[in-house]
Amino acid sequence: MSSFTFEELIEAKKSLDSTLSKCEKAFVKLKENSPQHTLMIRRINALRISVDLIERELLKFSV
């Protein structure tokens, strides 16, 4: 992974957390098995992976 500062990672995580929260709220309103529903599932999974990877990088700063 490229070198990012601690502050950059924190800001990126905040942004992704916000987007993830909005997606999860919108998800419950979507009709099951619709293309939008499927896309939102994939989007939420991608955001969760992104947040997890950022958190792993942040742990390296505390070591």
PDB file of N, CA and C in Angstrom:
ATOM      1  N   MET A   1       0.852  -1.176   0.000  1.00  0.00           N
ATOM      2  CA  MET A   1       0.000   0.000   0.000  1.00  0.00           C
ATOM      3  C   MET A   1       0.899   1.241   0.000  1.00  0.00           C
ATOM      4  N   SER A   2       0.459   2.259  -0.650  1.00  0.00           N
ATOM      5  CA  SER A   2       1.220   3.504  -0.702  1.00  0.00           C
ATOM      6  C   SER A   2       1.320   4.114   0.687  1.00  0.00           C
ATOM      7  N   SER A   3       2.272   4.999   0.837  1.00  0.00           N
ATOM      8  CA  SER A   3       2.450   5.658   2.125  1.00  0.00           C
ATOM      9  C   SER A   3       1.441   6.790   2.278  1.00  0.00           C
ATOM     10  N   PHE A   4       0.617   6.666   3.266  1.00  0.00           N
ATOM     11  CA  PHE A   4      -0.348   7.698   3.610  1.00  0.00           C
ATOM     12  C   PHE A   4      -0.066   8.142   5.036  1.00  0.00           C
ATOM     13  N   THR A   5      -0.341   9.388   5.310  1.00  0.00           N
ATOM     14  CA  THR A   5      -0.140   9.870   6.674  1.00  0.00           C
ATOM     15  C   THR A   5      -1.277   9.370   7.555  1.00  0.00           C
ATOM     16  N   PHE A   6      -1.029   9.423   8.831  1.00  0.00           N
ATOM     17  CA  PHE A   6      -2.042   9.030   9.811  1.00  0.00           C
ATOM     18  C   PHE A   6      -3.312   9.857   9.614  1.00  0.00           C
ATOM     19  N   GLU A   7      -3.131  11.148   9.409  1.00  0.00           N
ATOM     20  CA  GLU A   7      -4.266  12.056   9.246  1.00  0.00           C
ATOM     21  C   GLU A   7      -5.073  11.731   7.989  1.00  0.00           C
ATOM     22  N   GLU A   8      -4.373  11.397   6.910  1.00  0.00           N
ATOM     23  CA  GLU A   8      -5.061  11.028   5.662  1.00  0.00           C
ATOM     24  C   GLU A   8      -5.903   9.772   5.851  1.00  0.00           C
ATOM     25  N   LEU A   9      -5.351   8.801   6.564  1.00  0.00           N
ATOM     26  CA  LEU A   9      -6.091   7.565   6.816  1.00  0.00           C
ATOM     27  C   LEU A   9      -7.311   7.814   7.696  1.00  0.00           C
ATOM     28  N   ILE A  10      -7.164   8.659   8.702  1.00  0.00           N
ATOM     29  CA  ILE A  10      -8.287   8.994   9.585  1.00  0.00           C
ATOM     30  C   ILE A  10      -9.399   9.669   8.791  1.00  0.00           C
ATOM     31  N   GLU A  11      -9.038  10.629   7.949  1.00  0.00           N
ATOM     32  CA  GLU A  11     -10.037  11.339   7.142  1.00  0.00           C
ATOM     33  C   GLU A  11     -10.727  10.394   6.163  1.00  0.00           C
ATOM     34  N   ALA A  12      -9.967   9.512   5.543  1.00  0.00           N
ATOM     35  CA  ALA A  12     -10.548   8.541   4.609  1.00  0.00           C
ATOM     36  C   ALA A  12     -11.510   7.607   5.338  1.00  0.00           C
ATOM     37  N   LYS A  13     -11.116   7.167   6.531  1.00  0.00           N
ATOM     38  CA  LYS A  13     -11.975   6.271   7.315  1.00  0.00           C
ATOM     39  C   LYS A  13     -13.274   6.968   7.708  1.00  0.00           C
ATOM     40  N   LYS A  14     -13.185   8.226   8.120  1.00  0.00           N
ATOM     41  CA  LYS A  14     -14.390   8.985   8.480  1.00  0.00           C
ATOM     42  C   LYS A  14     -15.342   9.079   7.293  1.00  0.00           C
ATOM     43  N   SER A  15     -14.793   9.363   6.143  1.00  0.00           N
ATOM     44  CA  SER A  15     -15.593   9.488   4.930  1.00  0.00           C
ATOM     45  C   SER A  15     -16.256   8.162   4.564  1.00  0.00           C
ATOM     46  N   LEU A  16     -15.476   7.083   4.621  1.00  0.00           N
ATOM     47  CA  LEU A  16     -16.032   5.767   4.301  1.00  0.00           C
ATOM     48  C   LEU A  16     -17.066   5.325   5.332  1.00  0.00           C
ATOM     49  N   ASP A  17     -16.825   5.605   6.601  1.00  0.00           N
ATOM     50  CA  ASP A  17     -17.796   5.271   7.648  1.00  0.00           C
ATOM     51  C   ASP A  17     -19.115   5.994   7.404  1.00  0.00           C
ATOM     52  N   SER A  18     -19.037   7.248   7.008  1.00  0.00           N
ATOM     53  CA  SER A  18     -20.234   8.035   6.732  1.00  0.00           C
ATOM     54  C   SER A  18     -21.004   7.453   5.544  1.00  0.00           C
ATOM     55  N   THR A  19     -20.284   7.145   4.483  1.00  0.00           N
ATOM     56  CA  THR A  19     -20.917   6.570   3.294  1.00  0.00           C
ATOM     57  C   THR A  19     -21.522   5.213   3.607  1.00  0.00           C
ATOM     58  N   LEU A  20     -20.805   4.415   4.375  1.00  0.00           N
ATOM     59  CA  LEU A  20     -21.301   3.097   4.762  1.00  0.00           C
ATOM     60  C   LEU A  20     -22.593   3.220   5.561  1.00  0.00           C
ATOM     61  N   SER A  21     -22.637   4.136   6.489  1.00  0.00           N
ATOM     62  CA  SER A  21     -23.836   4.356   7.294  1.00  0.00           C
ATOM     63  C   SER A  21     -25.025   4.751   6.418  1.00  0.00           C
ATOM     64  N   LYS A  22     -24.798   5.637   5.480  1.00  0.00           N
ATOM     65  CA  LYS A  22     -25.868   6.068   4.572  1.00  0.00           C
ATOM     66  C   LYS A  22     -26.353   4.917   3.696  1.00  0.00           C
ATOM     67  N   CYS A  23     -25.426   4.101   3.229  1.00  0.00           N
ATOM     68  CA  CYS A  23     -25.791   2.949   2.407  1.00  0.00           C
ATOM     69  C   CYS A  23     -26.615   1.942   3.208  1.00  0.00           C
ATOM     70  N   GLU A  24     -26.214   1.707   4.448  1.00  0.00           N
ATOM     71  CA  GLU A  24     -26.954   0.753   5.287  1.00  0.00           C
ATOM     72  C   GLU A  24     -28.367   1.247   5.562  1.00  0.00           C
ATOM     73  N   LYS A  25     -28.533   2.552   5.732  1.00  0.00           N
ATOM     74  CA  LYS A  25     -29.868   3.106   5.952  1.00  0.00           C
ATOM     75  C   LYS A  25     -30.723   2.991   4.698  1.00  0.00           C
ATOM     76  N   ALA A  26     -30.126   3.232   3.544  1.00  0.00           N
ATOM     77  CA  ALA A  26     -30.860   3.153   2.277  1.00  0.00           C
ATOM     78  C   ALA A  26     -31.178   1.704   1.920  1.00  0.00           C
ATOM     79  N   PHE A  27     -30.322   0.788   2.329  1.00  0.00           N
ATOM     80  CA  PHE A  27     -30.463  -0.630   1.991  1.00  0.00           C
ATOM     81  C   PHE A  27     -31.806  -1.201   2.439  1.00  0.00           C
ATOM     82  N   VAL A  28     -32.245  -0.830   3.625  1.00  0.00           N
ATOM     83  CA  VAL A  28     -33.484  -1.406   4.159  1.00  0.00           C
ATOM     84  C   VAL A  28     -34.713  -0.970   3.361  1.00  0.00           C
ATOM     85  N   LYS A  29     -34.572   0.100   2.584  1.00  0.00           N
ATOM     86  CA  LYS A  29     -35.693   0.603   1.792  1.00  0.00           C
ATOM     87  C   LYS A  29     -35.761  -0.023   0.401  1.00  0.00           C
ATOM     88  N   LEU A  30     -34.749  -0.773   0.027  1.00  0.00           N
ATOM     89  CA  LEU A  30     -34.690  -1.343  -1.313  1.00  0.00           C
ATOM     90  C   LEU A  30     -35.459  -2.657  -1.403  1.00  0.00           C
ATOM     91  N   LYS A  31     -36.068  -2.871  -2.548  1.00  0.00           N
ATOM     92  CA  LYS A  31     -36.808  -4.106  -2.788  1.00  0.00           C
ATOM     93  C   LYS A  31     -35.814  -5.251  -2.945  1.00  0.00           C
ATOM     94  N   GLU A  32     -36.064  -6.325  -2.214  1.00  0.00           N
ATOM     95  CA  GLU A  32     -35.181  -7.483  -2.241  1.00  0.00           C
ATOM     96  C   GLU A  32     -35.108  -8.071  -3.640  1.00  0.00           C
ATOM     97  N   ASN A  33     -33.927  -8.501  -4.027  1.00  0.00           N
ATOM     98  CA  ASN A  33     -33.631  -9.111  -5.327  1.00  0.00           C
ATOM     99  C   ASN A  33     -33.730  -8.149  -6.505  1.00  0.00           C
ATOM    100  N   SER A  34     -33.834  -6.868  -6.239  1.00  0.00           N
ATOM    101  CA  SER A  34     -33.803  -5.887  -7.322  1.00  0.00           C
ATOM    102  C   SER A  34     -32.339  -5.605  -7.657  1.00  0.00           C
ATOM    103  N   PRO A  35     -32.070  -5.075  -8.843  1.00  0.00           N
ATOM    104  CA  PRO A  35     -30.680  -4.739  -9.179  1.00  0.00           C
ATOM    105  C   PRO A  35     -30.074  -3.743  -8.182  1.00  0.00           C
ATOM    106  N   GLN A  36     -30.872  -2.806  -7.705  1.00  0.00           N
ATOM    107  CA  GLN A  36     -30.379  -1.831  -6.737  1.00  0.00           C
ATOM    108  C   GLN A  36     -29.998  -2.502  -5.422  1.00  0.00           C
ATOM    109  N   HIS A  37     -30.784  -3.492  -5.012  1.00  0.00           N
ATOM    110  CA  HIS A  37     -30.531  -4.252  -3.784  1.00  0.00           C
ATOM    111  C   HIS A  37     -29.195  -4.984  -3.894  1.00  0.00           C
ATOM    112  N   THR A  38     -29.003  -5.667  -5.014  1.00  0.00           N
ATOM    113  CA  THR A  38     -27.769  -6.414  -5.240  1.00  0.00           C
ATOM    114  C   THR A  38     -26.561  -5.480  -5.282  1.00  0.00           C
ATOM    115  N   LEU A  39     -26.703  -4.369  -5.981  1.00  0.00           N
ATOM    116  CA  LEU A  39     -25.619  -3.398  -6.062  1.00  0.00           C
ATOM    117  C   LEU A  39     -25.269  -2.842  -4.685  1.00  0.00           C
ATOM    118  N   MET A  40     -26.280  -2.568  -3.882  1.00  0.00           N
ATOM    119  CA  MET A  40     -26.038  -2.022  -2.549  1.00  0.00           C
ATOM    120  C   MET A  40     -25.328  -3.037  -1.660  1.00  0.00           C
ATOM    121  N   ILE A  41     -25.680  -4.310  -1.778  1.00  0.00           N
ATOM    122  CA  ILE A  41     -24.989  -5.354  -1.012  1.00  0.00           C
ATOM    123  C   ILE A  41     -23.502  -5.338  -1.357  1.00  0.00           C
ATOM    124  N   ARG A  42     -23.214  -5.275  -2.652  1.00  0.00           N
ATOM    125  CA  ARG A  42     -21.817  -5.273  -3.094  1.00  0.00           C
ATOM    126  C   ARG A  42     -21.099  -4.003  -2.655  1.00  0.00           C
ATOM    127  N   ARG A  43     -21.790  -2.893  -2.717  1.00  0.00           N
ATOM    128  CA  ARG A  43     -21.204  -1.613  -2.307  1.00  0.00           C
ATOM    129  C   ARG A  43     -20.891  -1.626  -0.807  1.00  0.00           C
ATOM    130  N   ILE A  44     -21.821  -2.129  -0.004  1.00  0.00           N
ATOM    131  CA  ILE A  44     -21.614  -2.199   1.447  1.00  0.00           C
ATOM    132  C   ILE A  44     -20.436  -3.113   1.772  1.00  0.00           C
ATOM    133  N   ASN A  45     -20.358  -4.254   1.110  1.00  0.00           N
ATOM    134  CA  ASN A  45     -19.236  -5.172   1.341  1.00  0.00           C
ATOM    135  C   ASN A  45     -17.907  -4.513   0.979  1.00  0.00           C
ATOM    136  N   ALA A  46     -17.863  -3.800  -0.136  1.00  0.00           N
ATOM    137  CA  ALA A  46     -16.638  -3.117  -0.558  1.00  0.00           C
ATOM    138  C   ALA A  46     -16.236  -2.045   0.450  1.00  0.00           C
ATOM    139  N   LEU A  47     -17.210  -1.304   0.953  1.00  0.00           N
ATOM    140  CA  LEU A  47     -16.915  -0.268   1.944  1.00  0.00           C
ATOM    141  C   LEU A  47     -16.391  -0.881   3.240  1.00  0.00           C
ATOM    142  N   ARG A  48     -16.984  -1.982   3.661  1.00  0.00           N
ATOM    143  CA  ARG A  48     -16.520  -2.660   4.886  1.00  0.00           C
ATOM    144  C   ARG A  48     -15.080  -3.152   4.729  1.00  0.00           C
ATOM    145  N   ILE A  49     -14.760  -3.690   3.555  1.00  0.00           N
ATOM    146  CA  ILE A  49     -13.393  -4.145   3.299  1.00  0.00           C
ATOM    147  C   ILE A  49     -12.436  -2.954   3.341  1.00  0.00           C
ATOM    148  N   SER A  50     -12.834  -1.868   2.718  1.00  0.00           N
ATOM    149  CA  SER A  50     -12.000  -0.659   2.695  1.00  0.00           C
ATOM    150  C   SER A  50     -11.730  -0.141   4.102  1.00  0.00           C
ATOM    151  N   VAL A  51     -12.770  -0.074   4.909  1.00  0.00           N
ATOM    152  CA  VAL A  51     -12.619   0.396   6.291  1.00  0.00           C
ATOM    153  C   VAL A  51     -11.691  -0.536   7.065  1.00  0.00           C
ATOM    154  N   ASP A  52     -11.866  -1.830   6.865  1.00  0.00           N
ATOM    155  CA  ASP A  52     -11.026  -2.797   7.566  1.00  0.00           C
ATOM    156  C   ASP A  52      -9.551  -2.639   7.175  1.00  0.00           C
ATOM    157  N   LEU A  53      -9.289  -2.450   5.901  1.00  0.00           N
ATOM    158  CA  LEU A  53      -7.904  -2.276   5.453  1.00  0.00           C
ATOM    159  C   LEU A  53      -7.293  -0.993   6.009  1.00  0.00           C
ATOM    160  N   ILE A  54      -8.077   0.063   6.063  1.00  0.00           N
ATOM    161  CA  ILE A  54      -7.580   1.316   6.644  1.00  0.00           C
ATOM    162  C   ILE A  54      -7.283   1.124   8.129  1.00  0.00           C
ATOM    163  N   GLU A  55      -8.167   0.426   8.830  1.00  0.00           N
ATOM    164  CA  GLU A  55      -7.940   0.174  10.260  1.00  0.00           C
ATOM    165  C   GLU A  55      -6.657  -0.619  10.473  1.00  0.00           C
ATOM    166  N   ARG A  56      -6.378  -1.571   9.599  1.00  0.00           N
ATOM    167  CA  ARG A  56      -5.126  -2.334   9.705  1.00  0.00           C
ATOM    168  C   ARG A  56      -3.914  -1.426   9.518  1.00  0.00           C
ATOM    169  N   GLU A  57      -4.011  -0.512   8.564  1.00  0.00           N
ATOM    170  CA  GLU A  57      -2.915   0.430   8.348  1.00  0.00           C
ATOM    171  C   GLU A  57      -2.753   1.358   9.550  1.00  0.00           C
ATOM    172  N   LEU A  58      -3.852   1.775  10.148  1.00  0.00           N
ATOM    173  CA  LEU A  58      -3.776   2.644  11.317  1.00  0.00           C
ATOM    174  C   LEU A  58      -3.104   1.948  12.497  1.00  0.00           C
ATOM    175  N   LEU A  59      -3.298   0.648  12.615  1.00  0.00           N
ATOM    176  CA  LEU A  59      -2.659  -0.110  13.691  1.00  0.00           C
ATOM    177  C   LEU A  59      -1.135  -0.074  13.579  1.00  0.00           C
ATOM    178  N   LYS A  60      -0.637   0.038  12.380  1.00  0.00           N
ATOM    179  CA  LYS A  60       0.814   0.094  12.181  1.00  0.00           C
ATOM    180  C   LYS A  60       1.415   1.365  12.782  1.00  0.00           C
ATOM    181  N   PHE A  61       0.614   2.415  12.880  1.00  0.00           N
ATOM    182  CA  PHE A  61       1.096   3.657  13.466  1.00  0.00           C
ATOM    183  C   PHE A  61       1.227   3.551  14.978  1.00  0.00           C
ATOM    184  N   SER A  62       0.438   2.661  15.597  1.00  0.00           N
ATOM    185  CA  SER A  62       0.483   2.544  17.058  1.00  0.00           C
ATOM    186  C   SER A  62       1.548   1.571  17.533  1.00  0.00           C
ATOM    187  N   VAL A  63       2.183   0.854  16.612  1.00  0.00           N
ATOM    188  CA  VAL A  63       3.206  -0.123  16.982  1.00  0.00           C
ATOM    189  C   VAL A  63       4.558   0.521  17.062  1.00  0.00           C
TER     190      VAL A  63
END
